[in-house]
Structures are given as C-alpha cells and as structure tokens.
Amino acid sequence: MSGGVDSAVAAARAVEAGHDVTGVHLALSRMPGTFRTGSRGCCTIEDSLDARRAAGIIGIPFYVWDLSATFIDSVVDDFITEYAAGRTPNPCMRCNERIKFAALLDRALELGFDAVCTGHYATVLNPESDAPELHRASAWAKDQSYVLGVLTTNQLRHSYFPLGDTPSKDLVRAEAERRGLSVANKPDSHDICFIPDGDTKGWLSERIPMTDGDIIDRDGTVLGRHDGALSYTVGQRKGLNLGVPASDGRPRFVVEVRPATNEVVVGPRIALDIAEIAGSRLTWAGLGPVESKLAEGTDADIEPFEGEVQIRAHADPVAATISVVAGEAIVRPHTPLNGVATGQTAVLYAGTRVLGQFTIDRTVSVAD
C-alpha cells in the first residue's frame, strides 16, 4: 500500500473477493521527506500515514517494512551506475524487478502469503497454471503493463492486480470516495521517487564527478562545451549552448553521450529516428515466443516473428519484427522509434499480451 488511491482500492477489492489481506507499506528511504510537493515523489511519511488510515477503514492489519537498504543497493546505486556509463535507466522497472516482486514477494512467501496484490493497471491470465500470461489493462490510457514487463513466470503466479479490468481512473477515485477513503482525490505521484524535487541533473552532479567537455557533431567537429556529459540525455534540445549554428539553420539534438571521452554528440532530428534496437538482458514474462508457438527456434536463437515494442511507459506500441540471435534480442520497428537511449527498457508485446523485456544496449539510426 503506497499511500495512493490505486493500492487502497486494490486492497479493498481483494478483501471483498474473499482473500485474507494484510496491508504493507514499503519504507524505501531511511530519511524520507515528511511531505510531498504536490504530486512529486512517493514513499514519504505522509504516504505511510495515508496508507495506514486506508488500511484502518478497510479493516485489515497494516505494517511498514523497511527495505531501504535493498532499495539503495538495487535501485538507487544501479541508477547512478547506469548514468555513469552514459545510459538512461528506468528506476521504476528496477524497483518492480528487484523490490516489489523480488524482495517483497520473497518475504511474503516465506511468511505464508500466496501473492502480492498491487494497484497496477494490468491483468494476469491463468495465474495458477504453468503458463500465466501478463496482459494490458482494459484502460489503455492507464495501462501499466510496461513497468511489469520484468516479471518472471513464477512472479506472475504470485501477482494479483484487481484494477486491471477497470475502465478508467475516475471510476477508481469514485469508488474510493464511496468507501470513505481519504486518498480518493490524492494526486498521482510522478518523477523519480528518490529525486522528489525533479532535479535529476543536480542530484546526479552530487554523486557523479562532472567535468567540462566537448559537444561535437556526428563527424567529430567541436561545436561547443558542456559542463558534464552525464547530465545530458538523448533527445535533449534545450540548454546545449552551441557556438556554431547548423548549416541548414535547423535545431540540433543530443544523439549520443560518450562517458569514456566525456563528449556529447549532437545531430539533426532525423538522427534520433531509430531503425533497430538490440539488447542482451532479455527475460520472458511467462512462456517465451517459441513455447507459445509464436516463433520458431531455441531460447538463444529465435527466428524473426511479428509483434510490438514499447520503449517508454506512456509511449504507443509500435509494430516490429523481433528475433533473438545468440541471446541478443533484435527489434526492427516497422516505423522508426524516436529518441531512444541505451539503458532504456524495451517491452515486447503480442497484441495485449506482454511477452518480455530487454535493456537496450545499442541502436541503429536511420541516418547511419
């Protein structure tokens, strides 16, 4: 129970479905902020108090579990390491992978619970079978299956998402109001939970040494200077302070960050259009495409098959040809992806079903 409206309603629905429910709030920081700033951040003291009040109204036991050390090791330190390597990580994916459905689930199973129930908008079909399937929520505008793409077959068997069939968030808020839950109109959290003020550049600069370096074009020509390459992200346009205008007068964008040489590479918008992405940290959510009869091959080498790929939580899925070669996932979208950075997570779909995910290690631009 995060302290938000979704998890509170999910807990209430789980009780009504006949389950023996215990509310758990995760303390993920030893020194959390006392209060939110609007809708920024989560897991604050205020959130834990909201969760406790909701549990009291629902009539279930409530506990706070301290997973802060695991969170720092598995999510925060990973975030810093990835940025230091010039990649753009998704900490929410790591939190679901290593905290909510690993550390939390493992502890829950040890204590005799059957599943972890959350307020995510997604659906698990056949959870008690040998072939559970993760699917999008009925409300695509609120669908959160992307951030759950890291779940394994065993984790899906012990996951419960009561909000998956709810057509809209407004209905969840109205239900919370009817149930007397004070979080009914609480704003959704956004941004990175451990950077509640939203200043990622400032936060990183306190943890990763930043030094001046060159901003160059794709041919290596120096166009300007930066004050720390790792604070730039692929697709960024503002704040480049280039001293040399483009020959065509059009704006330029960050297309690559090179931490080894402390360089930021800029180029035209078309250089952000990506014709291919690939990565080796590949996992399947449930049965893989070969076992599901969607493709031919083996686990390490899967013949090309058709599906969809999504590279951000709120991005639209894009039709793509998917294959696996020597353990590396290779995706060729039918229309170019835009502004892809290494370190991002690509989630693979077959219709509404989540097939799996991988971390993007390399990209090929249509301009190459």
Protein backbone atom coordinates (compact mmCIF):
# COMPACT_ATOMS: atom_id res chain seq x y z
CA MET A 1 0.00 0.00 0.00
CA SER A 2 1.86 3.03 -1.31
CA GLY A 3 -0.50 5.55 0.26
CA GLY A 4 -2.21 6.29 -3.04
CA VAL A 5 -5.75 5.67 -4.23
CA ASP A 6 -4.97 2.73 -6.53
CA SER A 7 -3.39 0.46 -3.94
CA ALA A 8 -6.06 1.36 -1.37
CA VAL A 9 -8.89 0.36 -3.72
CA ALA A 10 -6.97 -2.76 -4.79
CA ALA A 11 -6.72 -3.83 -1.14
CA ALA A 12 -10.43 -3.21 -0.58
CA ARG A 13 -11.34 -5.25 -3.65
CA ALA A 14 -9.07 -8.08 -2.54
CA VAL A 15 -10.92 -8.22 0.79
CA GLU A 16 -14.29 -8.27 -0.97
CA ALA A 17 -13.05 -11.10 -3.19
CA GLY A 18 -12.62 -13.22 -0.04
CA HIS A 19 -8.87 -13.01 0.44
CA ASP A 20 -7.11 -12.70 3.78
CA VAL A 21 -5.36 -9.37 3.21
CA THR A 22 -2.56 -7.63 5.07
CA GLY A 23 -1.50 -4.10 4.13
CA VAL A 24 2.21 -3.41 3.78
CA HIS A 25 3.86 -0.06 3.13
CA LEU A 26 7.47 -0.10 1.93
CA ALA A 27 9.89 2.28 3.64
CA LEU A 28 12.42 2.79 0.88
CA SER A 29 14.44 5.62 2.42
CA ARG A 30 15.95 5.98 5.88
CA MET A 31 15.43 9.75 5.63
CA PRO A 32 12.23 10.27 3.61
CA GLY A 33 10.75 13.70 3.10
CA THR A 34 7.98 14.42 5.57
CA PHE A 35 5.60 15.80 2.98
CA ARG A 36 5.15 15.56 -0.76
CA THR A 37 5.47 18.58 -3.01
CA GLY A 38 2.20 18.36 -4.96
CA SER A 39 2.34 15.09 -6.87
CA ARG A 40 6.11 14.69 -6.84
CA GLY A 41 7.72 11.68 -5.22
CA CYS A 42 6.24 8.87 -3.18
CA CYS A 43 7.02 6.71 -0.13
CA THR A 44 7.09 9.72 2.21
CA ILE A 45 5.97 9.78 5.83
CA GLU A 46 2.75 11.36 4.63
CA ASP A 47 2.21 8.42 2.26
CA SER A 48 2.74 5.86 5.02
CA LEU A 49 0.17 7.65 7.19
CA ASP A 50 -2.31 7.74 4.30
CA ALA A 51 -1.78 4.00 3.76
CA ARG A 52 -2.29 3.28 7.47
CA ARG A 53 -5.55 5.26 7.53
CA ALA A 54 -6.80 3.42 4.42
CA ALA A 55 -5.98 0.04 5.98
CA GLY A 56 -7.91 1.03 9.10
CA ILE A 57 -11.00 1.94 7.08
CA ILE A 58 -10.77 -1.28 5.06
CA GLY A 59 -10.27 -3.25 8.29
CA ILE A 60 -7.01 -5.05 7.59
CA PRO A 61 -3.74 -5.37 9.53
CA PHE A 62 -1.06 -2.89 8.46
CA TYR A 63 2.74 -2.96 8.67
CA VAL A 64 5.66 -0.90 7.43
CA TRP A 65 8.51 -2.98 6.07
CA ASP A 66 11.95 -1.38 5.86
CA LEU A 67 13.50 -2.32 2.52
CA SER A 68 15.60 0.83 2.29
CA ALA A 69 18.98 -0.93 2.22
CA THR A 70 17.86 -3.24 -0.59
CA PHE A 71 16.33 -0.29 -2.44
CA ILE A 72 19.56 1.70 -2.30
CA ASP A 73 21.67 -1.26 -3.45
CA SER A 74 19.33 -2.49 -6.18
CA VAL A 75 17.69 0.68 -7.49
CA VAL A 76 19.49 3.88 -6.45
CA ASP A 77 23.04 2.59 -6.90
CA ASP A 78 22.03 0.94 -10.18
CA PHE A 79 20.62 4.29 -11.36
CA ILE A 80 23.91 6.04 -10.59
CA THR A 81 25.99 3.29 -12.22
CA GLU A 82 23.91 3.34 -15.39
CA TYR A 83 24.13 7.12 -15.75
CA ALA A 84 27.88 7.00 -15.10
CA ALA A 85 28.12 4.60 -18.06
CA GLY A 86 26.19 7.00 -20.28
CA ARG A 87 22.94 5.05 -20.23
CA THR A 88 19.43 6.20 -19.30
CA PRO A 89 17.90 3.70 -16.83
CA ASN A 90 14.29 3.27 -15.73
CA PRO A 91 14.31 3.03 -11.91
CA CYS A 92 10.61 2.04 -11.77
CA MET A 93 11.41 -1.09 -13.78
CA ARG A 94 14.27 -1.95 -11.41
CA CYS A 95 12.04 -1.35 -8.38
CA ASN A 96 9.38 -3.73 -9.68
CA GLU A 97 12.02 -6.27 -10.68
CA ARG A 98 14.13 -6.21 -7.52
CA ILE A 99 11.92 -4.81 -4.75
CA LYS A 100 8.15 -5.25 -5.14
CA PHE A 101 8.20 -8.59 -6.94
CA ALA A 102 11.50 -9.94 -5.61
CA ALA A 103 12.46 -8.80 -2.09
CA LEU A 104 8.85 -8.08 -1.07
CA LEU A 105 7.41 -11.18 -2.73
CA ASP A 106 10.14 -13.43 -1.35
CA ARG A 107 9.46 -12.21 2.19
CA ALA A 108 5.70 -12.57 1.70
CA LEU A 109 6.03 -16.17 0.51
CA GLU A 110 8.30 -17.01 3.43
CA LEU A 111 5.60 -15.69 5.78
CA GLY A 112 2.97 -17.88 4.19
CA PHE A 113 1.20 -15.41 1.91
CA ASP A 114 0.13 -16.57 -1.54
CA ALA A 115 0.56 -13.40 -3.58
CA VAL A 116 1.46 -9.74 -3.67
CA CYS A 117 -1.50 -7.55 -4.60
CA THR A 118 -0.82 -4.07 -6.01
CA GLY A 119 -2.74 -1.24 -7.63
CA HIS A 120 -1.07 -1.63 -11.02
CA TYR A 121 -3.36 -1.46 -14.04
CA ALA A 122 -2.63 -4.80 -15.70
CA THR A 123 -4.08 -8.32 -15.78
CA VAL A 124 -2.66 -11.79 -15.21
CA LEU A 125 -4.47 -14.61 -17.00
CA ASN A 126 -4.19 -18.24 -15.80
CA PRO A 127 -2.09 -17.29 -12.74
CA GLU A 128 -2.21 -20.77 -11.23
CA SER A 129 -1.21 -22.61 -14.43
CA ASP A 130 2.18 -23.45 -15.88
CA ALA A 131 1.64 -20.71 -18.45
CA PRO A 132 0.45 -17.49 -16.76
CA GLU A 133 0.14 -14.51 -19.10
CA LEU A 134 0.55 -10.80 -18.36
CA HIS A 135 -1.81 -8.58 -20.37
CA ARG A 136 -2.54 -4.89 -20.74
CA ALA A 137 -5.26 -3.33 -18.63
CA SER A 138 -8.63 -2.69 -20.21
CA ALA A 139 -7.98 1.07 -20.00
CA TRP A 140 -5.04 1.63 -22.34
CA ALA A 141 -4.66 5.24 -21.22
CA LYS A 142 -3.84 4.00 -17.71
CA ASP A 143 -2.21 0.68 -18.67
CA GLN A 144 0.91 -0.09 -16.59
CA SER A 145 1.91 -3.41 -18.09
CA TYR A 146 5.11 -1.80 -19.44
CA VAL A 147 6.65 -1.41 -15.97
CA LEU A 148 5.68 -5.01 -15.15
CA GLY A 149 7.41 -6.47 -18.20
CA VAL A 150 10.31 -7.59 -15.97
CA LEU A 151 8.17 -10.14 -14.10
CA THR A 152 9.06 -13.81 -14.49
CA THR A 153 6.75 -16.78 -14.82
CA ASN A 154 6.99 -17.60 -11.11
CA GLN A 155 6.39 -13.99 -10.10
CA LEU A 156 3.28 -13.82 -12.29
CA ARG A 157 1.91 -16.87 -10.46
CA HIS A 158 2.05 -14.86 -7.23
CA SER A 159 0.84 -11.48 -8.54
CA TYR A 160 -2.67 -10.07 -8.21
CA PHE A 161 -3.86 -6.88 -9.93
CA PRO A 162 -7.51 -6.18 -9.02
CA LEU A 163 -7.67 -2.94 -11.06
CA GLY A 164 -6.83 -4.49 -14.41
CA ASP A 165 -10.40 -4.56 -15.70
CA THR A 166 -11.34 -1.06 -14.50
CA PRO A 167 -12.20 1.17 -17.48
CA SER A 168 -10.87 4.42 -16.01
CA LYS A 169 -9.03 6.02 -13.09
CA ASP A 170 -12.07 8.25 -12.47
CA LEU A 171 -14.06 5.14 -11.56
CA VAL A 172 -11.37 4.11 -9.06
CA ARG A 173 -11.46 7.56 -7.43
CA ALA A 174 -15.27 7.45 -7.27
CA GLU A 175 -15.10 4.01 -5.66
CA ALA A 176 -12.59 5.26 -3.11
CA GLU A 177 -14.96 8.13 -2.31
CA ARG A 178 -17.83 5.70 -1.74
CA ARG A 179 -15.64 3.59 0.53
CA GLY A 180 -14.75 6.63 2.62
CA LEU A 181 -11.05 6.53 1.73
CA SER A 182 -9.40 9.91 2.27
CA VAL A 183 -6.97 9.28 -0.62
CA ALA A 184 -9.80 9.42 -3.19
CA ASN A 185 -8.59 12.71 -4.65
CA LYS A 186 -4.89 12.45 -3.82
CA PRO A 187 -2.70 13.38 -6.83
CA ASP A 188 -0.77 10.62 -8.57
CA SER A 189 2.95 10.61 -7.90
CA HIS A 190 5.33 11.25 -10.77
CA ASP A 191 9.04 11.77 -11.39
CA ILE A 192 11.68 9.61 -9.73
CA CYS A 193 10.69 8.82 -6.15
CA PHE A 194 14.18 9.34 -4.71
CA ILE A 195 14.54 12.68 -6.53
CA PRO A 196 11.28 14.31 -5.34
CA ASP A 197 12.22 17.84 -6.47
CA GLY A 198 12.62 16.59 -10.05
CA ASP A 199 16.17 17.98 -10.44
CA THR A 200 17.86 14.87 -11.83
CA LYS A 201 20.86 16.81 -13.13
CA GLY A 202 21.52 18.42 -9.74
CA TRP A 203 21.04 15.12 -7.91
CA LEU A 204 23.47 13.30 -10.22
CA SER A 205 26.08 16.06 -10.00
CA GLU A 206 26.35 15.42 -6.25
CA ARG A 207 27.10 11.74 -6.85
CA ILE A 208 28.99 11.54 -10.16
CA PRO A 209 32.04 13.72 -10.89
CA MET A 210 31.11 16.17 -13.66
CA THR A 211 33.81 17.83 -15.79
CA ASP A 212 33.69 20.15 -18.77
CA GLY A 213 34.00 18.61 -22.21
CA ASP A 214 33.27 19.00 -25.89
CA ILE A 215 29.95 18.98 -27.69
CA ILE A 216 30.60 17.57 -31.14
CA ASP A 217 28.63 16.72 -34.26
CA ARG A 218 28.44 13.22 -35.72
CA ASP A 219 31.60 13.88 -37.76
CA GLY A 220 33.61 14.90 -34.70
CA THR A 221 33.61 18.66 -35.24
CA VAL A 222 33.62 20.60 -31.96
CA LEU A 223 30.56 22.85 -31.71
CA GLY A 224 30.62 23.91 -28.08
CA ARG A 225 31.31 22.94 -24.49
CA HIS A 226 29.26 21.21 -21.81
CA ASP A 227 29.56 21.24 -18.02
CA GLY A 228 29.08 17.50 -17.54
CA ALA A 229 28.26 14.96 -20.24
CA LEU A 230 26.34 12.66 -17.91
CA SER A 231 23.71 15.29 -17.23
CA TYR A 232 22.59 15.21 -20.87
CA THR A 233 20.05 12.79 -22.29
CA VAL A 234 19.38 11.54 -25.79
CA GLY A 235 16.75 13.67 -27.49
CA GLN A 236 17.58 16.78 -25.46
CA ARG A 237 17.35 20.05 -27.41
CA LYS A 238 17.40 22.82 -24.83
CA GLY A 239 20.46 24.00 -22.93
CA LEU A 240 23.08 22.95 -25.49
CA ASN A 241 24.62 26.44 -25.88
CA LEU A 242 26.20 25.65 -29.22
CA GLY A 243 28.61 28.24 -30.59
CA VAL A 244 28.36 27.06 -34.19
CA PRO A 245 24.95 27.20 -35.92
CA ALA A 246 23.78 24.32 -38.10
CA SER A 247 24.36 24.89 -41.83
CA ASP A 248 20.66 24.35 -42.52
CA GLY A 249 19.56 26.56 -39.62
CA ARG A 250 17.60 23.75 -38.00
CA PRO A 251 17.87 22.78 -34.33
CA ARG A 252 20.17 20.01 -33.19
CA PHE A 253 19.55 17.36 -30.57
CA VAL A 254 21.65 15.14 -28.33
CA VAL A 255 22.02 11.83 -30.19
CA GLU A 256 24.71 10.17 -28.05
CA VAL A 257 26.53 10.58 -24.73
CA ARG A 258 30.10 9.21 -24.58
CA PRO A 259 31.28 8.95 -20.96
CA ALA A 260 34.64 7.39 -21.92
CA THR A 261 35.66 10.53 -23.82
CA ASN A 262 33.39 12.96 -21.92
CA GLU A 263 31.72 14.03 -25.17
CA VAL A 264 28.14 14.90 -26.07
CA VAL A 265 27.22 14.20 -29.69
CA VAL A 266 24.53 16.26 -31.38
CA GLY A 267 22.82 15.90 -34.73
CA PRO A 268 19.68 16.63 -36.73
CA ARG A 269 16.25 15.38 -35.70
CA ILE A 270 16.42 12.55 -38.25
CA ALA A 271 19.40 11.08 -36.38
CA LEU A 272 17.02 10.40 -33.48
CA ASP A 273 14.89 8.11 -35.66
CA ILE A 274 15.92 4.55 -34.84
CA ALA A 275 15.64 1.67 -37.30
CA GLU A 276 16.89 -1.06 -34.94
CA ILE A 277 17.40 -1.67 -31.23
CA ALA A 278 19.10 -4.61 -29.54
CA GLY A 279 20.00 -5.86 -26.09
CA SER A 280 21.14 -8.98 -24.27
CA ARG A 281 19.49 -8.76 -20.81
CA LEU A 282 16.35 -10.50 -22.07
CA THR A 283 13.63 -12.07 -19.93
CA TRP A 284 10.23 -13.55 -20.79
CA ALA A 285 7.05 -12.83 -18.83
CA GLY A 286 5.54 -16.30 -18.87
CA LEU A 287 6.24 -18.67 -21.74
CA GLY A 288 8.63 -17.38 -24.39
CA PRO A 289 7.61 -16.96 -28.05
CA VAL A 290 8.88 -20.42 -29.05
CA GLU A 291 6.93 -22.21 -26.29
CA SER A 292 3.92 -20.04 -27.11
CA LYS A 293 4.10 -21.11 -30.78
CA LEU A 294 4.61 -17.53 -31.92
CA ALA A 295 8.03 -18.24 -33.39
CA GLU A 296 10.46 -20.99 -34.34
CA GLY A 297 13.86 -21.62 -32.82
CA THR A 298 15.51 -22.06 -29.43
CA ASP A 299 15.83 -19.85 -26.36
CA ALA A 300 19.12 -18.43 -27.66
CA ASP A 301 18.17 -18.16 -31.35
CA ILE A 302 14.61 -17.28 -32.30
CA GLU A 303 13.59 -16.79 -35.90
CA PRO A 304 12.05 -13.41 -36.79
CA PHE A 305 8.39 -13.04 -35.80
CA GLU A 306 5.90 -10.19 -35.70
CA GLY A 307 4.92 -8.36 -32.53
CA GLU A 308 5.03 -4.89 -30.98
CA VAL A 309 7.62 -2.98 -28.99
CA GLN A 310 7.16 -0.19 -26.44
CA ILE A 311 10.13 1.83 -25.19
CA ARG A 312 8.53 4.10 -22.58
CA ALA A 313 5.78 3.69 -20.01
CA HIS A 314 3.42 6.06 -21.81
CA ALA A 315 4.58 5.52 -25.38
CA ASP A 316 2.43 3.90 -28.03
CA PRO A 317 3.36 0.35 -29.06
CA VAL A 318 4.99 0.07 -32.48
CA ALA A 319 4.65 -2.93 -34.79
CA ALA A 320 8.02 -4.63 -35.19
CA THR A 321 9.90 -7.68 -36.36
CA ILE A 322 11.50 -9.41 -33.38
CA SER A 323 14.28 -12.00 -33.30
CA VAL A 324 16.92 -13.36 -30.93
CA VAL A 325 20.45 -14.08 -32.15
CA ALA A 326 22.98 -15.67 -29.77
CA GLY A 327 20.92 -14.48 -26.81
CA GLU A 328 20.63 -10.89 -28.05
CA ALA A 329 17.15 -9.53 -28.77
CA ILE A 330 16.98 -7.61 -32.05
CA VAL A 331 13.93 -5.47 -32.85
CA ARG A 332 13.30 -3.72 -36.16
CA PRO A 333 10.27 -1.44 -35.85
CA HIS A 334 8.07 -1.03 -38.91
CA THR A 335 8.15 2.74 -38.33
CA PRO A 336 11.23 4.34 -36.73
CA LEU A 337 11.37 4.81 -32.98
CA ASN A 338 12.31 8.28 -31.81
CA GLY A 339 14.87 9.41 -29.26
CA VAL A 340 15.91 6.01 -27.95
CA ALA A 341 18.72 5.90 -25.40
CA THR A 342 20.78 2.91 -24.32
CA GLY A 343 19.75 1.78 -20.86
CA GLN A 344 16.05 2.17 -21.62
CA THR A 345 13.81 -0.87 -21.37
CA ALA A 346 12.10 -2.27 -24.46
CA VAL A 347 8.98 -4.28 -23.62
CA LEU A 348 7.74 -6.76 -26.23
CA TYR A 349 4.07 -7.49 -26.87
CA ALA A 350 1.88 -9.82 -28.89
CA GLY A 351 -1.40 -7.91 -29.01
CA THR A 352 -2.34 -7.18 -25.39
CA ARG A 353 0.00 -9.83 -24.03
CA VAL A 354 3.37 -8.87 -22.58
CA LEU A 355 6.00 -11.26 -23.94
CA GLY A 356 9.03 -9.95 -22.09
CA GLN A 357 11.64 -7.22 -22.00
CA PHE A 358 15.27 -6.35 -22.51
CA THR A 359 17.59 -3.44 -21.75
CA ILE A 360 18.65 -1.57 -24.88
CA ASP A 361 22.41 -1.89 -25.38
CA ARG A 362 22.73 -0.48 -28.89
CA THR A 363 20.72 1.36 -31.52
CA VAL A 364 20.95 1.91 -35.27
CA SER A 365 19.76 5.27 -36.62
CA VAL A 366 18.01 5.62 -39.98
CA ALA A 367 20.70 8.24 -40.68
CA ASP A 368 23.53 5.69 -40.36
